[in-house]
């Protein structure tokens, strides 16, 4: 496999990037969390070294879905005020901009952000929208927000999140996402909610084919009306589902480090990303939870080169695929792709 040299890593840092799958709740800085532990008196370690294993995937840990999801339990303690939620939103966007991201879709879970202090969902969504708009303008990148619904949440919560999202399309919310434990909780009950959201102009993305098999990808496409699939790395296990996704030009939001840390893939060099590309699927490369996985897009690109043998030109193709899959109006999408294409041509 190829190994990223110093000059190649510099090129990776300079690449204009697109991230379509990044969770706000998984993007917290370790330094910010340690500061908040001290200022808020949270029952967590106050020093970064002791806090890290509670909130980040660590070497030597057993890599399972439940183990990965367990990192989010302590993270839920941090959403304690409008000011903190706004700060965490701004910092996530600032970190993406520092990594060269030109277009970012960051998904957030209103119910999770509201839970610590029982805030109204509408207010939480407004805080995120306002902070994202301000920070995106300051950092010079474009940000779209995706409201995420967990499969274990009550339907009335999902209905409100979807309705409030549609009301905020002009304030930056571009899509609706279904996330959470896809083995334990079914997507079926949410299908009418997502159908209505799609009719109202929201993009639809569904976590599927990550911990469950290709049948979940088929369900996401045929029942949930998904435009994009979060992860979807098990799609290749069924040739008919692969053909369906290829025919529909469904965009797959692939996240390498996350798949390793959650046990979806055992080793980096076994990841199906190259095979998905060879199968003619529309594939993008994203971070998922950069705070939990201690990563950024530059590191994900380096991993794709080192472990999977992808070339710099292949990565450029994935970046353009990200632009093509963005939840943007056609003219804005075409403009983003043209701008990225021009910038990528200047990077040998």
Protein backbone atom coordinates (compact mmCIF):
# COMPACT_ATOMS: atom_id res chain seq x y z
CA UNK A 1 0.00 0.00 0.00
CA UNK A 2 1.05 3.60 -0.55
CA UNK A 3 2.42 5.62 2.33
CA UNK A 4 1.78 9.31 2.68
CA UNK A 5 5.01 11.25 2.39
CA UNK A 6 5.51 14.67 3.93
CA UNK A 7 4.85 16.39 0.61
CA UNK A 8 1.73 14.30 0.00
CA UNK A 9 0.38 15.14 3.46
CA UNK A 10 0.89 18.81 2.71
CA UNK A 11 -1.13 18.33 -0.46
CA UNK A 12 -3.87 16.60 1.54
CA UNK A 13 -4.03 19.52 3.96
CA UNK A 14 -4.36 21.94 1.04
CA UNK A 15 -7.19 20.04 -0.60
CA UNK A 16 -10.53 21.87 -0.57
CA UNK A 17 -12.77 19.43 1.22
CA UNK A 18 -16.44 18.47 1.51
CA UNK A 19 -17.84 16.73 4.59
CA UNK A 20 -21.43 15.51 4.32
CA UNK A 21 -21.51 13.34 7.45
CA UNK A 22 -20.31 15.00 10.65
CA UNK A 23 -22.24 14.88 13.93
CA UNK A 24 -22.14 17.96 16.11
CA UNK A 25 -22.42 15.81 19.23
CA UNK A 26 -19.34 13.86 18.15
CA UNK A 27 -17.26 16.92 17.31
CA UNK A 28 -16.49 18.36 20.74
CA UNK A 29 -12.93 19.44 21.47
CA UNK A 30 -11.27 17.63 24.35
CA UNK A 31 -9.92 20.93 25.70
CA UNK A 32 -13.39 22.49 25.70
CA UNK A 33 -14.87 19.51 27.49
CA UNK A 34 -12.20 19.63 30.21
CA UNK A 35 -12.87 23.34 30.67
CA UNK A 36 -16.62 22.75 30.95
CA UNK A 37 -16.13 19.94 33.45
CA UNK A 38 -14.36 22.41 35.71
CA UNK A 39 -16.68 25.38 35.17
CA UNK A 40 -19.92 23.39 35.36
CA UNK A 41 -18.88 20.99 38.10
CA UNK A 42 -19.69 17.93 35.99
CA UNK A 43 -19.06 14.46 37.39
CA UNK A 44 -16.31 13.69 34.92
CA UNK A 45 -12.50 13.88 35.08
CA UNK A 46 -11.31 17.47 34.83
CA UNK A 47 -7.96 16.76 33.20
CA UNK A 48 -7.72 15.87 29.53
CA UNK A 49 -5.67 12.70 30.01
CA UNK A 50 -8.27 11.17 32.33
CA UNK A 51 -11.23 12.48 30.37
CA UNK A 52 -10.01 11.21 27.00
CA UNK A 53 -10.88 7.49 27.43
CA UNK A 54 -14.40 8.42 28.53
CA UNK A 55 -15.18 10.36 25.34
CA UNK A 56 -12.79 9.06 22.68
CA UNK A 57 -12.10 5.70 21.06
CA UNK A 58 -8.83 4.43 22.49
CA UNK A 59 -6.23 1.93 21.26
CA UNK A 60 -6.73 -1.50 22.72
CA UNK A 61 -10.44 -1.06 23.45
CA UNK A 62 -12.88 -3.67 22.23
CA UNK A 63 -14.38 -2.28 19.05
CA UNK A 64 -18.14 -2.76 19.07
CA UNK A 65 -21.21 -0.70 18.22
CA UNK A 66 -22.24 -0.49 21.87
CA UNK A 67 -18.73 0.50 22.92
CA UNK A 68 -18.64 3.29 20.36
CA UNK A 69 -22.10 4.54 21.29
CA UNK A 70 -21.14 4.50 24.97
CA UNK A 71 -18.80 7.44 24.32
CA UNK A 72 -21.84 9.62 23.74
CA UNK A 73 -23.26 9.06 27.22
CA UNK A 74 -20.86 11.49 28.96
CA UNK A 75 -21.02 13.86 25.99
CA UNK A 76 -24.71 14.47 26.71
CA UNK A 77 -23.77 16.22 29.95
CA UNK A 78 -22.18 19.17 28.17
CA UNK A 79 -25.25 20.71 26.50
CA UNK A 80 -26.23 22.77 29.52
CA UNK A 81 -26.92 26.28 28.21
CA UNK A 82 -27.72 28.17 25.00
CA UNK A 83 -24.25 29.71 25.18
CA UNK A 84 -22.54 26.31 25.40
CA UNK A 85 -24.57 24.82 22.57
CA UNK A 86 -23.73 27.84 20.40
CA UNK A 87 -20.07 27.57 21.36
CA UNK A 88 -19.87 23.89 20.48
CA UNK A 89 -21.49 24.62 17.12
CA UNK A 90 -19.04 27.42 16.37
CA UNK A 91 -16.03 25.34 17.35
CA UNK A 92 -17.08 22.41 15.17
CA UNK A 93 -17.32 24.74 12.18
CA UNK A 94 -14.05 26.47 13.05
CA UNK A 95 -12.27 23.10 13.18
CA UNK A 96 -13.70 22.08 9.81
CA UNK A 97 -12.61 25.36 8.24
CA UNK A 98 -9.09 24.95 9.65
CA UNK A 99 -8.92 21.57 7.90
CA UNK A 100 -9.79 23.08 4.53
CA UNK A 101 -13.47 22.15 4.43
CA UNK A 102 -15.26 24.36 1.92
CA UNK A 103 -18.70 22.81 2.31
CA UNK A 104 -19.87 21.20 5.53
CA UNK A 105 -23.12 19.50 6.39
CA UNK A 106 -23.21 19.10 10.13
CA UNK A 107 -25.99 17.07 11.68
CA UNK A 108 -27.27 17.64 15.16
CA UNK A 109 -29.82 15.86 17.31
CA UNK A 110 -32.24 18.42 18.83
CA UNK A 111 -33.60 15.93 21.38
CA UNK A 112 -30.09 15.15 22.65
CA UNK A 113 -29.13 18.82 22.92
CA UNK A 114 -32.37 19.64 24.71
CA UNK A 115 -32.34 16.77 27.20
CA UNK A 116 -29.95 18.06 29.90
CA UNK A 117 -32.08 21.07 30.77
CA UNK A 118 -35.37 20.15 29.06
CA UNK A 119 -35.10 22.99 26.56
CA UNK A 120 -37.82 23.39 23.91
CA UNK A 121 -36.73 21.72 20.67
CA UNK A 122 -37.51 24.81 18.61
CA UNK A 123 -35.23 26.97 20.75
CA UNK A 124 -32.36 24.49 20.56
CA UNK A 125 -32.67 24.40 16.78
CA UNK A 126 -32.65 28.19 16.64
CA UNK A 127 -29.47 28.37 18.72
CA UNK A 128 -27.68 25.98 16.37
CA UNK A 129 -28.97 27.74 13.24
CA UNK A 130 -27.87 31.15 14.46
CA UNK A 131 -24.43 30.03 15.62
CA UNK A 132 -23.81 28.08 12.42
CA UNK A 133 -24.78 31.00 10.20
CA UNK A 134 -22.54 33.41 12.07
CA UNK A 135 -19.52 31.10 12.21
CA UNK A 136 -19.81 30.02 8.58
CA UNK A 137 -19.77 33.65 7.49
CA UNK A 138 -16.77 34.37 9.69
CA UNK A 139 -14.78 31.33 8.50
CA UNK A 140 -15.62 31.60 4.81
CA UNK A 141 -17.24 28.22 4.23
CA UNK A 142 -20.77 27.15 3.48
CA UNK A 143 -22.62 25.13 6.10
CA UNK A 144 -25.84 23.15 5.80
CA UNK A 145 -27.52 21.74 8.88
CA UNK A 146 -29.16 18.33 9.09
CA UNK A 147 -31.56 17.63 11.94
CA UNK A 148 -31.05 14.09 13.18
CA UNK A 149 -33.63 11.82 14.77
CA UNK A 150 -32.63 8.76 16.77
CA UNK A 151 -34.58 5.56 16.18
CA UNK A 152 -35.29 5.14 19.89
CA UNK A 153 -36.97 8.55 20.18
CA UNK A 154 -40.78 8.80 20.45
CA UNK A 155 -42.61 9.47 17.20
CA UNK A 156 -44.04 12.72 18.54
CA UNK A 157 -40.49 14.01 19.04
CA UNK A 158 -39.55 12.95 15.52
CA UNK A 159 -42.64 14.66 14.12
CA UNK A 160 -41.79 17.91 15.86
CA UNK A 161 -38.15 17.83 14.76
CA UNK A 162 -39.22 17.23 11.15
CA UNK A 163 -41.81 19.99 11.25
CA UNK A 164 -39.46 22.50 12.88
CA UNK A 165 -36.77 21.58 10.35
CA UNK A 166 -39.04 22.33 7.40
CA UNK A 167 -39.90 25.67 9.00
CA UNK A 168 -36.17 26.48 9.16
CA UNK A 169 -35.17 25.70 5.60
CA UNK A 170 -34.37 29.36 5.02
CA UNK A 171 -32.29 29.44 8.21
CA UNK A 172 -29.85 26.74 7.19
CA UNK A 173 -31.50 23.37 7.77
CA UNK A 174 -31.15 21.38 4.56
CA UNK A 175 -31.96 17.80 5.54
CA UNK A 176 -33.35 15.22 7.92
CA UNK A 177 -31.44 12.20 9.19
CA UNK A 178 -32.40 8.95 10.90
CA UNK A 179 -29.65 7.62 13.18
CA UNK A 180 -29.19 5.36 16.18
CA UNK A 181 -29.10 1.62 16.77
CA UNK A 182 -30.38 0.13 13.49
CA UNK A 183 -30.40 -3.42 14.85
CA UNK A 184 -32.50 -2.81 17.94
CA UNK A 185 -34.86 -0.16 16.55
CA UNK A 186 -36.68 -0.31 13.21
CA UNK A 187 -36.98 2.57 10.76
CA UNK A 188 -40.52 1.72 9.59
CA UNK A 189 -42.43 3.86 12.10
CA UNK A 190 -40.60 6.96 10.87
CA UNK A 191 -41.31 6.52 7.15
CA UNK A 192 -44.42 8.79 6.99
CA UNK A 193 -42.52 11.55 8.80
CA UNK A 194 -39.64 11.34 6.34
CA UNK A 195 -41.98 11.21 3.35
CA UNK A 196 -43.58 14.47 4.47
CA UNK A 197 -40.18 16.06 5.08
CA UNK A 198 -39.07 15.13 1.57
CA UNK A 199 -42.22 16.65 0.08
CA UNK A 200 -41.42 19.84 1.96
CA UNK A 201 -38.00 20.07 0.33
CA UNK A 202 -35.64 18.56 2.88
CA UNK A 203 -32.90 16.18 1.79
CA UNK A 204 -33.18 12.71 3.31
CA UNK A 205 -30.26 10.70 4.66
CA UNK A 206 -30.56 7.49 6.68
CA UNK A 207 -27.95 5.57 8.66
CA UNK A 208 -28.22 2.08 7.17
CA UNK A 209 -26.06 -0.89 6.26
CA UNK A 210 -23.55 -0.02 8.96
CA UNK A 211 -24.31 -2.50 11.75
CA UNK A 212 -27.10 -4.30 9.89
CA UNK A 213 -26.98 -5.79 6.42
CA UNK A 214 -27.81 -4.66 2.89
CA UNK A 215 -31.54 -5.10 3.47
CA UNK A 216 -31.36 -1.94 5.60
CA UNK A 217 -29.96 -0.06 2.60
CA UNK A 218 -32.81 -1.30 0.43
CA UNK A 219 -35.31 -0.20 3.07
CA UNK A 220 -33.69 3.23 3.27
CA UNK A 221 -34.03 3.67 -0.49
CA UNK A 222 -37.42 2.09 -1.15
CA UNK A 223 -39.32 2.92 2.04
CA UNK A 224 -37.59 5.90 3.63
CA UNK A 225 -36.94 7.74 0.36
CA UNK A 226 -33.28 8.31 1.18
CA UNK A 227 -31.25 10.48 -1.17
CA UNK A 228 -28.12 9.48 0.72
CA UNK A 229 -27.12 6.61 2.98
CA UNK A 230 -25.03 7.13 6.10
CA UNK A 231 -22.21 4.55 5.96
CA UNK A 232 -23.93 1.79 3.94
CA UNK A 233 -20.71 -0.21 3.83
CA UNK A 234 -22.52 -3.58 3.79
CA UNK A 235 -24.40 -2.78 0.59
CA UNK A 236 -22.01 -4.94 -1.47
CA UNK A 237 -23.22 -8.07 0.32
CA UNK A 238 -26.28 -8.07 -1.96
CA UNK A 239 -25.78 -7.60 -5.70
CA UNK A 240 -29.39 -6.54 -6.25
CA UNK A 241 -29.21 -3.83 -3.59
CA UNK A 242 -25.89 -2.67 -5.04
CA UNK A 243 -27.49 -2.44 -8.48
CA UNK A 244 -30.45 -0.53 -7.06
CA UNK A 245 -28.17 2.01 -5.36
CA UNK A 246 -26.08 2.35 -8.51
CA UNK A 247 -29.16 2.86 -10.68
CA UNK A 248 -30.53 5.54 -8.33
CA UNK A 249 -27.10 7.15 -7.97
CA UNK A 250 -27.54 7.04 -4.22
CA UNK A 251 -24.76 8.86 -2.39
CA UNK A 252 -22.96 6.87 0.33
CA UNK A 253 -21.47 8.81 3.24
CA UNK A 254 -18.45 6.64 4.13
CA UNK A 255 -16.46 7.26 7.33
CA UNK A 256 -13.31 5.15 7.68
CA UNK A 257 -12.12 5.70 11.27
CA UNK A 258 -15.65 5.53 12.63
CA UNK A 259 -16.21 2.16 10.96
CA UNK A 260 -13.02 0.86 12.58
CA UNK A 261 -13.83 2.22 16.02
CA UNK A 262 -17.36 0.83 16.00
CA UNK A 263 -16.23 -2.60 14.85
CA UNK A 264 -18.03 -2.47 11.50
CA UNK A 265 -14.68 -3.16 9.83
CA UNK A 266 -11.97 -5.13 11.62
CA UNK A 267 -8.91 -3.66 9.91
CA UNK A 268 -8.36 -0.54 7.86
CA UNK A 269 -7.08 -2.48 4.86
CA UNK A 270 -10.29 -4.54 4.83
CA UNK A 271 -12.58 -1.54 4.40
CA UNK A 272 -14.90 -1.93 1.38
CA UNK A 273 -14.46 1.68 0.18
CA UNK A 274 -12.35 0.72 -2.89
CA UNK A 275 -14.82 -2.04 -3.80
CA UNK A 276 -17.73 0.40 -3.49
CA UNK A 277 -15.98 2.73 -5.90
CA UNK A 278 -15.24 -0.14 -8.31
CA UNK A 279 -18.91 -1.16 -8.16
CA UNK A 280 -19.85 2.23 -9.59
CA UNK A 281 -21.44 3.58 -6.42
CA UNK A 282 -21.49 7.29 -5.59
CA UNK A 283 -19.12 7.40 -2.64
CA UNK A 284 -18.00 10.28 -0.43
CA UNK A 285 -15.47 10.34 2.41
CA UNK A 286 -16.41 11.98 5.71
CA UNK A 287 -15.47 12.21 9.40
CA UNK A 288 -18.65 11.13 11.26
CA UNK A 289 -17.49 11.97 14.81
CA UNK A 290 -14.09 13.66 14.65
CA UNK A 291 -14.01 14.34 18.39
CA UNK A 292 -14.77 10.73 19.33
CA UNK A 293 -12.40 9.31 16.70
CA UNK A 294 -9.77 12.04 17.20
CA UNK A 295 -9.56 12.66 13.47
CA UNK A 296 -10.14 15.18 10.69
CA UNK A 297 -10.66 14.87 6.95
CA UNK A 298 -6.96 15.25 6.23
CA UNK A 299 -6.30 12.21 8.44
CA UNK A 300 -9.15 10.28 6.81
CA UNK A 301 -7.64 11.00 3.38
CA UNK A 302 -4.23 9.84 4.61
CA UNK A 303 -5.80 6.64 5.96
CA UNK A 304 -7.46 6.03 2.58
CA UNK A 305 -4.08 6.31 0.90
CA UNK A 306 -2.02 4.36 3.43
CA UNK A 307 -4.44 1.51 4.17
CA UNK A 308 -6.45 1.27 0.97
CA UNK A 309 -4.05 2.46 -1.70
CA UNK A 310 -6.25 5.26 -3.02
CA UNK A 311 -4.50 7.89 -5.10
CA UNK A 312 -4.63 11.66 -4.72
CA UNK A 313 -6.67 11.77 -7.93
CA UNK A 314 -9.15 9.30 -6.46
CA UNK A 315 -9.55 11.52 -3.41
CA UNK A 316 -10.20 14.49 -5.66
CA UNK A 317 -12.96 12.47 -7.29
CA UNK A 318 -14.50 11.73 -3.89
CA UNK A 319 -14.45 15.44 -3.04
CA UNK A 320 -16.33 16.27 -6.23
CA UNK A 321 -18.78 13.46 -5.47
CA UNK A 322 -19.37 15.18 -2.16
CA UNK A 323 -20.28 18.39 -3.94
CA UNK A 324 -22.62 16.49 -6.25
CA UNK A 325 -24.31 14.87 -3.26
CA UNK A 326 -24.74 18.07 -1.24
CA UNK A 327 -28.22 19.05 -0.11
CA UNK A 328 -28.11 22.25 -2.14
CA UNK A 329 -30.30 23.75 -4.87
CA UNK A 330 -29.05 22.75 -8.35
CA UNK A 331 -27.44 26.12 -9.15
CA UNK A 332 -25.61 26.29 -5.83
CA UNK A 333 -24.47 22.70 -6.21
CA UNK A 334 -23.12 23.36 -9.69
CA UNK A 335 -21.33 26.49 -8.45
CA UNK A 336 -19.75 24.59 -5.55
CA UNK A 337 -18.57 21.81 -7.85
CA UNK A 338 -17.08 24.30 -10.33
CA UNK A 339 -15.24 26.16 -7.57
CA UNK A 340 -13.84 22.94 -6.14
CA UNK A 341 -12.83 21.69 -9.58
CA UNK A 342 -10.90 24.87 -10.27
CA UNK A 343 -9.14 24.72 -6.90
CA UNK A 344 -8.32 21.01 -7.24
CA UNK A 345 -6.68 21.58 -10.62
CA UNK A 346 -4.14 23.83 -8.91
CA UNK A 347 -3.02 21.02 -6.57
CA UNK A 348 -0.66 18.59 -8.36
